[in-house]
Amino acid sequence: MSKKRVYIAYTGGTIGMQKSAQGFVPVPGFLEAELRRFPEFQHEDMPEYTISEFSPILDSANMAPEHWALVAADIEKHYDHYDGFVILHGTDTMAYTASALSFMLEDLHKPVILTGSQIPVGELRSDARDNLIGALYLAAHAPIPEVGLYFRNRLLRGNRSRKVDASGFDAFDSPNYPELVRMGTDIQIRHELLLQKPLKPLSVRRIEPPMIAALPIFPGINAEMLRQFLAHPVQGLVLQTYGMGNAPSRNKALLAVLTEACDRGAVIVNITQCPRGRVDMGGYETGNALRDCGVVSGFDMTTEAALAKLFYLFSLGLAPDAIRENMQKNLRGELSA
C-alpha cells in the first residue's frame, strides 16, 4: 500500500520559533530543518508530508480574516492531492482560525487539523513533537471529515474549542462538547460524534469581513457608551452576558440602545460569559428582556465560533433576519440547539 500523504501549512506560532538574544523568534526554514533531526517523523507508520511555509510567518496575535482566506485557499489548491491537512498555528488565536475554517470549508470530507505548541520544537521540554505527531497521524489515518484542533493527546471539534491556559500544556478545552479523539495506548475515536455529510466536492467560502464586534456585559455598563459602540456601520455584535444569558433588565436606557440597534438591522447574539453552559433567554426575566429587544440566542456556542459564524453568514450576503435565523441553527456542529 502506498503511504498516506499529509499537507502541512506552517502559518507561524511558537512551534517553529528559534531562540535568539531577543527571545524566541520565527525563523524561515527552521521548523522543517528541526523535523528532519527527529527520527520519529521518519517512522514507517508516519505519513509522507509536505511542509509549506507561509511568508511572512505570523505570530497568531497578528492573524486576521485575510489570513484565514489564505489558509482556506491553500487547502483548496492541494485538496485533491493529499489525504489530510495539518495547520501549524500559534495558540493565541488558534480557536478563532479553527472556527472560521469550519464554516469556510464547505462540504469538507478530509481531516483538517490545527495544532501548535507552548514551547518551540527545538527545546528540551517541548510539547511540539507529540502534538505534531498526533496531528499528522490522525490527518493521515482517521476518517474525520471536519476541522479539528489537536493538543495534548486530544482532538477537539475546531468550532467548539477554546484556549483555557496561557502557559500549561493542556492549553485547550471543548467546554460544551466531548472530545472527538483521545490518544493513549490506543486511539479512541468517537465516530458517533463526527459530522455526517453527503459527499460533495469541496467549496471554499471567501469571507468579506463585516463590521462586527464582541462586548462583555459588566456591572455599571453605560448605555451611552454602548450606543457609541453600536453606532453605524457596526453590523453585528456578540454580546457576552451573565450566566444563562442575562443582562441588567432594569437599565431601560441600555435595553433601548439594543432595541434601536436591532431595529436598524444589527445582528446581536447572546453568548454566556461562563466557560460552560448555554444561554436560555426564557429562564429569567433578565434574559427575556434581551429577547424582547431583538437579541438572539447563541445557545452554547463559544465566542470564537459565534464571531466566525457571523463573519461567514454576513459574507453570504444574507439579510439581517436570515442571519439571525441561521445563527440559531446548527450548521457545522458549533451549537447544541
Protein backbone atom coordinates (compact mmCIF):
# COMPACT_ATOMS: atom_id res chain seq x y z
CA MET A 1 0.00 0.00 0.00
CA SER A 2 1.18 3.50 -0.78
CA LYS A 3 1.76 5.79 2.13
CA LYS A 4 -0.79 8.39 3.09
CA ARG A 5 0.12 11.97 2.25
CA VAL A 6 -0.41 14.97 4.52
CA TYR A 7 -0.02 18.62 3.65
CA ILE A 8 1.37 20.81 6.45
CA ALA A 9 0.71 24.55 6.25
CA TYR A 10 3.00 26.35 8.67
CA THR A 11 1.45 29.75 9.37
CA GLY A 12 3.67 30.58 12.34
CA GLY A 13 3.50 30.45 16.10
CA THR A 14 5.68 29.19 18.92
CA ILE A 15 6.10 25.70 17.47
CA GLY A 16 8.67 26.81 14.86
CA MET A 17 10.44 29.57 16.74
CA GLN A 18 14.17 29.65 17.43
CA LYS A 19 15.96 31.02 20.47
CA SER A 20 17.74 34.32 19.95
CA ALA A 21 19.25 37.10 22.06
CA GLN A 22 15.86 38.84 21.89
CA GLY A 23 13.90 35.73 22.93
CA PHE A 24 12.11 33.23 20.72
CA VAL A 25 11.60 34.48 17.15
CA PRO A 26 10.19 32.94 13.95
CA VAL A 27 12.93 31.89 11.53
CA PRO A 28 12.12 30.77 7.96
CA GLY A 29 13.16 27.17 7.30
CA PHE A 30 13.92 26.39 10.95
CA LEU A 31 10.90 24.16 11.60
CA GLU A 32 11.47 21.91 8.60
CA ALA A 33 15.16 21.55 9.47
CA GLU A 34 14.28 20.61 13.05
CA LEU A 35 11.82 17.92 11.98
CA ARG A 36 14.49 16.26 9.86
CA ARG A 37 16.53 15.80 13.05
CA PHE A 38 13.88 13.69 14.77
CA PRO A 39 13.69 10.02 13.73
CA GLU A 40 10.05 9.69 14.80
CA PHE A 41 8.99 11.82 11.83
CA GLN A 42 10.65 9.29 9.51
CA HIS A 43 8.99 6.28 11.19
CA GLU A 44 7.33 3.81 8.83
CA ASP A 45 3.92 4.44 10.44
CA MET A 46 4.11 8.15 9.75
CA PRO A 47 2.68 9.54 6.52
CA GLU A 48 4.64 11.31 3.86
CA TYR A 49 4.33 15.02 4.42
CA THR A 50 4.99 18.27 2.63
CA ILE A 51 5.62 21.49 4.57
CA SER A 52 4.54 24.76 3.04
CA GLU A 53 5.74 27.77 5.00
CA PHE A 54 3.74 30.97 4.89
CA SER A 55 5.54 34.21 4.16
CA PRO A 56 5.69 36.07 6.37
CA ILE A 57 5.48 33.67 9.30
CA LEU A 58 2.98 35.19 11.72
CA ASP A 59 2.54 35.30 15.44
CA SER A 60 -1.08 34.24 15.86
CA ALA A 61 -1.91 37.57 17.51
CA ASN A 62 -1.46 39.03 14.02
CA MET A 63 -3.80 36.55 12.33
CA ALA A 64 -6.82 38.21 10.70
CA PRO A 65 -9.65 37.14 8.36
CA GLU A 66 -7.47 37.74 5.30
CA HIS A 67 -5.07 35.11 6.66
CA TRP A 68 -7.95 32.66 7.19
CA ALA A 69 -8.66 33.14 3.49
CA LEU A 70 -5.05 32.31 2.59
CA VAL A 71 -5.18 29.09 4.63
CA ALA A 72 -8.52 28.06 3.12
CA ALA A 73 -7.29 28.78 -0.42
CA ASP A 74 -4.13 26.76 0.25
CA ILE A 75 -6.20 23.77 1.36
CA GLU A 76 -8.45 24.12 -1.67
CA LYS A 77 -5.45 24.22 -4.02
CA HIS A 78 -3.98 20.99 -2.63
CA TYR A 79 -7.20 19.23 -1.61
CA ASP A 80 -7.18 16.53 -4.29
CA HIS A 81 -3.52 15.61 -3.78
CA TYR A 82 -3.42 14.84 -0.05
CA ASP A 83 -5.28 12.61 2.39
CA GLY A 84 -5.33 15.17 5.17
CA PHE A 85 -4.12 18.58 6.25
CA VAL A 86 -2.31 19.94 9.31
CA ILE A 87 -2.27 23.66 10.04
CA LEU A 88 0.56 24.75 12.34
CA HIS A 89 -0.60 27.85 14.15
CA GLY A 90 0.13 29.98 17.18
CA THR A 91 -2.04 29.12 20.16
CA ASP A 92 -3.45 32.55 20.99
CA THR A 93 -5.93 32.71 18.12
CA MET A 94 -5.94 29.06 17.05
CA ALA A 95 -9.55 28.54 18.18
CA TYR A 96 -10.66 31.54 16.09
CA THR A 97 -8.99 30.15 12.97
CA ALA A 98 -10.35 26.65 13.62
CA SER A 99 -13.85 28.07 13.99
CA ALA A 100 -13.56 30.19 10.86
CA LEU A 101 -12.24 27.33 8.72
CA SER A 102 -15.09 25.09 9.87
CA PHE A 103 -17.52 27.47 8.15
CA MET A 104 -15.35 28.47 5.19
CA LEU A 105 -14.56 24.90 4.08
CA GLU A 106 -17.97 23.83 2.83
CA ASP A 107 -18.54 20.10 2.18
CA LEU A 108 -15.22 19.14 3.74
CA HIS A 109 -14.56 15.39 3.69
CA LYS A 110 -10.92 15.19 4.77
CA PRO A 111 -9.30 15.94 8.13
CA VAL A 112 -8.08 19.49 8.63
CA ILE A 113 -6.29 19.61 11.98
CA LEU A 114 -4.80 22.66 13.67
CA THR A 115 -2.04 22.26 16.21
CA GLY A 116 0.90 24.10 17.70
CA SER A 117 2.82 24.14 20.95
CA GLN A 118 3.54 26.08 24.10
CA ILE A 119 7.32 25.50 23.81
CA PRO A 120 9.22 25.57 20.47
CA VAL A 121 10.05 22.27 18.79
CA GLY A 122 13.80 22.59 19.29
CA GLU A 123 13.63 22.98 23.08
CA LEU A 124 14.21 20.12 25.52
CA ARG A 125 10.78 20.09 27.18
CA SER A 126 8.80 20.96 24.09
CA ASP A 127 5.27 19.70 23.64
CA ALA A 128 5.59 20.31 19.90
CA ARG A 129 6.72 16.84 18.86
CA ASP A 130 3.84 14.98 20.50
CA ASN A 131 1.29 17.47 19.21
CA LEU A 132 2.60 17.31 15.66
CA ILE A 133 2.97 13.52 15.64
CA GLY A 134 -0.61 13.11 16.85
CA ALA A 135 -1.99 15.61 14.37
CA LEU A 136 -0.08 14.07 11.45
CA TYR A 137 -1.16 10.57 12.34
CA LEU A 138 -4.84 11.48 12.64
CA ALA A 139 -4.78 13.60 9.48
CA ALA A 140 -3.48 10.58 7.58
CA HIS A 141 -5.30 7.67 9.14
CA ALA A 142 -8.53 8.85 10.82
CA PRO A 143 -11.81 9.28 8.91
CA ILE A 144 -12.57 12.71 10.38
CA PRO A 145 -14.39 14.88 7.80
CA GLU A 146 -14.14 18.16 9.67
CA VAL A 147 -11.89 20.83 11.14
CA GLY A 148 -10.32 19.77 14.42
CA LEU A 149 -7.86 21.14 16.94
CA TYR A 150 -5.31 18.71 18.36
CA PHE A 151 -3.48 19.39 21.60
CA ARG A 152 -2.17 17.24 24.43
CA ASN A 153 -3.44 13.88 23.10
CA ARG A 154 -6.96 15.15 22.35
CA LEU A 155 -8.71 16.12 19.13
CA LEU A 156 -11.44 18.68 19.71
CA ARG A 157 -14.01 19.93 17.24
CA GLY A 158 -12.46 23.14 15.97
CA ASN A 159 -15.51 25.35 16.47
CA ARG A 160 -16.05 24.01 19.99
CA SER A 161 -12.51 24.67 21.18
CA ARG A 162 -11.16 27.44 23.39
CA LYS A 163 -7.76 28.31 24.77
CA VAL A 164 -8.09 27.90 28.52
CA ASP A 165 -4.50 28.06 29.78
CA ALA A 166 -1.92 30.65 28.80
CA SER A 167 1.12 28.53 29.63
CA GLY A 168 0.09 24.96 30.51
CA PHE A 169 0.37 22.06 28.09
CA ASP A 170 -3.38 21.37 28.46
CA ALA A 171 -3.96 24.68 26.73
CA PHE A 172 -7.27 23.89 25.00
CA ASP A 173 -10.62 22.52 26.02
CA SER A 174 -14.04 21.94 24.49
CA PRO A 175 -16.33 23.01 27.33
CA ASN A 176 -19.68 22.11 25.80
CA TYR A 177 -18.87 19.17 23.54
CA PRO A 178 -16.95 15.92 24.08
CA GLU A 179 -13.52 15.39 22.55
CA LEU A 180 -13.63 13.65 19.17
CA VAL A 181 -10.49 11.58 19.71
CA ARG A 182 -8.31 10.67 22.68
CA MET A 183 -4.84 9.31 22.00
CA GLY A 184 -3.42 6.94 24.60
CA THR A 185 -2.10 3.41 24.39
CA ASP A 186 -4.89 3.09 21.86
CA ILE A 187 -6.73 5.63 19.73
CA GLN A 188 -10.32 6.22 20.79
CA ILE A 189 -12.33 7.84 18.00
CA ARG A 190 -15.88 8.88 18.87
CA HIS A 191 -17.34 8.10 15.46
CA GLU A 192 -20.87 8.86 16.63
CA LEU A 193 -19.87 12.47 17.34
CA LEU A 194 -18.39 13.20 13.91
CA LEU A 195 -20.28 15.30 11.39
CA GLN A 196 -22.22 13.29 8.84
CA LYS A 197 -22.41 14.99 5.44
CA PRO A 198 -23.35 13.92 1.91
CA LEU A 199 -20.34 13.51 -0.34
CA LYS A 200 -19.89 16.67 -2.40
CA PRO A 201 -16.88 18.47 -3.84
CA LEU A 202 -15.14 20.90 -1.50
CA SER A 203 -16.05 24.53 -1.94
CA VAL A 204 -14.47 27.44 -0.10
CA ARG A 205 -16.45 30.42 1.07
CA ARG A 206 -14.41 33.58 0.93
CA ILE A 207 -15.03 35.84 3.91
CA GLU A 208 -15.50 39.54 3.39
CA PRO A 209 -15.07 40.88 6.92
CA PRO A 210 -18.17 42.76 8.08
CA MET A 211 -18.14 45.33 10.87
CA ILE A 212 -18.77 43.10 13.88
CA ALA A 213 -17.51 43.09 17.45
CA ALA A 214 -17.71 41.34 20.81
CA LEU A 215 -18.51 43.05 24.12
CA PRO A 216 -18.99 41.70 27.65
CA ILE A 217 -21.79 42.96 29.86
CA PHE A 218 -20.37 44.17 33.17
CA PRO A 219 -21.77 45.86 36.27
CA GLY A 220 -22.16 49.56 35.57
CA ILE A 221 -22.05 49.29 31.78
CA ASN A 222 -23.07 52.64 30.35
CA ALA A 223 -25.87 52.94 27.82
CA GLU A 224 -24.29 55.89 26.01
CA MET A 225 -21.01 54.02 25.69
CA LEU A 226 -22.91 51.08 24.21
CA ARG A 227 -24.73 53.44 21.83
CA GLN A 228 -21.39 54.70 20.52
CA PHE A 229 -20.07 51.14 20.31
CA LEU A 230 -23.08 50.03 18.23
CA ALA A 231 -23.25 53.10 16.01
CA HIS A 232 -23.39 52.60 12.26
CA PRO A 233 -21.57 50.96 10.44
CA VAL A 234 -21.46 48.18 13.09
CA GLN A 235 -23.43 45.27 11.62
CA GLY A 236 -23.22 42.65 14.35
CA LEU A 237 -22.31 42.09 17.97
CA VAL A 238 -21.53 39.07 20.09
CA LEU A 239 -22.90 40.18 23.46
CA GLN A 240 -21.24 38.25 26.30
CA THR A 241 -23.79 38.12 29.09
CA TYR A 242 -24.07 36.77 32.64
CA GLY A 243 -24.96 33.16 33.44
CA MET A 244 -27.71 31.77 31.25
CA GLY A 245 -27.81 34.87 29.07
CA ASN A 246 -28.81 37.61 31.46
CA ALA A 247 -28.28 41.39 31.38
CA PRO A 248 -29.44 44.27 33.63
CA SER A 249 -33.16 44.39 32.77
CA ARG A 250 -33.76 47.46 34.95
CA ASN A 251 -31.39 49.52 32.85
CA LYS A 252 -34.03 50.76 30.41
CA ALA A 253 -31.61 53.04 28.61
CA LEU A 254 -29.33 50.09 27.89
CA LEU A 255 -32.22 47.99 26.58
CA ALA A 256 -33.37 50.89 24.41
CA VAL A 257 -29.94 51.06 22.78
CA LEU A 258 -30.06 47.34 21.99
CA THR A 259 -33.56 47.67 20.57
CA GLU A 260 -32.53 50.61 18.37
CA ALA A 261 -29.55 48.66 17.03
CA CYS A 262 -31.64 45.56 16.26
CA ASP A 263 -34.34 47.68 14.61
CA ARG A 264 -31.81 49.24 12.21
CA GLY A 265 -30.60 45.77 11.20
CA ALA A 266 -27.70 44.98 13.52
CA VAL A 267 -27.49 41.30 14.49
CA ILE A 268 -26.85 40.87 18.22
CA VAL A 269 -26.09 37.38 19.50
CA ASN A 270 -26.27 36.43 23.18
CA ILE A 271 -23.35 34.31 24.42
CA THR A 272 -22.72 33.42 28.05
CA GLN A 273 -19.55 34.61 29.76
CA CYS A 274 -19.41 31.29 31.63
CA PRO A 275 -16.86 28.79 30.32
CA ARG A 276 -19.53 26.06 30.38
CA GLY A 277 -23.27 26.01 29.88
CA ARG A 278 -25.70 27.59 27.49
CA VAL A 279 -27.89 30.62 27.02
CA ASP A 280 -31.56 30.20 27.94
CA MET A 281 -33.24 33.54 27.34
CA GLY A 282 -36.52 32.25 28.70
CA GLY A 283 -35.08 31.13 32.00
CA TYR A 284 -35.04 34.52 33.75
CA GLU A 285 -36.78 37.85 33.31
CA THR A 286 -33.37 39.40 32.66
CA GLY A 287 -32.89 37.12 29.65
CA ASN A 288 -36.42 37.71 28.38
CA ALA A 289 -35.67 41.42 28.32
CA LEU A 290 -32.86 40.87 25.81
CA ARG A 291 -35.06 38.70 23.62
CA ASP A 292 -37.71 41.44 23.58
CA CYS A 293 -35.02 43.82 22.25
CA GLY A 294 -34.38 41.57 19.25
CA VAL A 295 -31.26 39.86 20.59
CA VAL A 296 -30.98 36.20 19.50
CA SER A 297 -29.60 33.27 21.44
CA GLY A 298 -26.19 31.78 20.68
CA PHE A 299 -27.04 28.77 22.84
CA ASP A 300 -23.78 27.06 23.83
CA MET A 301 -21.50 28.48 21.13
CA THR A 302 -18.10 29.77 22.09
CA THR A 303 -17.37 33.43 21.49
CA GLU A 304 -14.84 32.35 18.85
CA ALA A 305 -17.43 30.29 17.00
CA ALA A 306 -20.10 32.99 17.24
CA LEU A 307 -17.78 35.61 15.76
CA ALA A 308 -16.62 33.29 12.97
CA LYS A 309 -20.21 32.32 12.18
CA LEU A 310 -21.25 35.97 11.94
CA PHE A 311 -18.33 36.60 9.56
CA TYR A 312 -19.46 33.66 7.45
CA LEU A 313 -23.17 34.49 7.34
CA PHE A 314 -22.62 38.15 6.51
CA SER A 315 -20.29 37.02 3.71
CA LEU A 316 -23.17 35.03 2.21
CA GLY A 317 -24.97 38.32 1.61
CA LEU A 318 -27.95 37.36 3.75
CA ALA A 319 -30.46 39.84 5.14
CA PRO A 320 -30.32 40.50 8.91
CA ASP A 321 -33.38 38.35 9.66
CA ALA A 322 -31.88 35.42 7.74
CA ILE A 323 -28.60 35.83 9.63
CA ARG A 324 -30.48 35.85 12.96
CA GLU A 325 -32.29 32.68 11.93
CA ASN A 326 -29.11 30.90 10.86
CA MET A 327 -27.21 31.96 13.97
CA GLN A 328 -29.68 29.79 15.89
CA LYS A 329 -29.22 26.78 13.58
CA ASN A 330 -26.53 24.14 13.91
CA LEU A 331 -24.54 24.47 10.67
CA ARG A 332 -21.18 22.80 11.46
CA GLY A 333 -21.65 21.21 14.86
CA GLU A 334 -20.96 24.54 16.56
CA LEU A 335 -24.02 24.54 18.82
CA SER A 336 -26.48 22.26 20.56
CA ALA A 337 -29.81 23.96 19.91
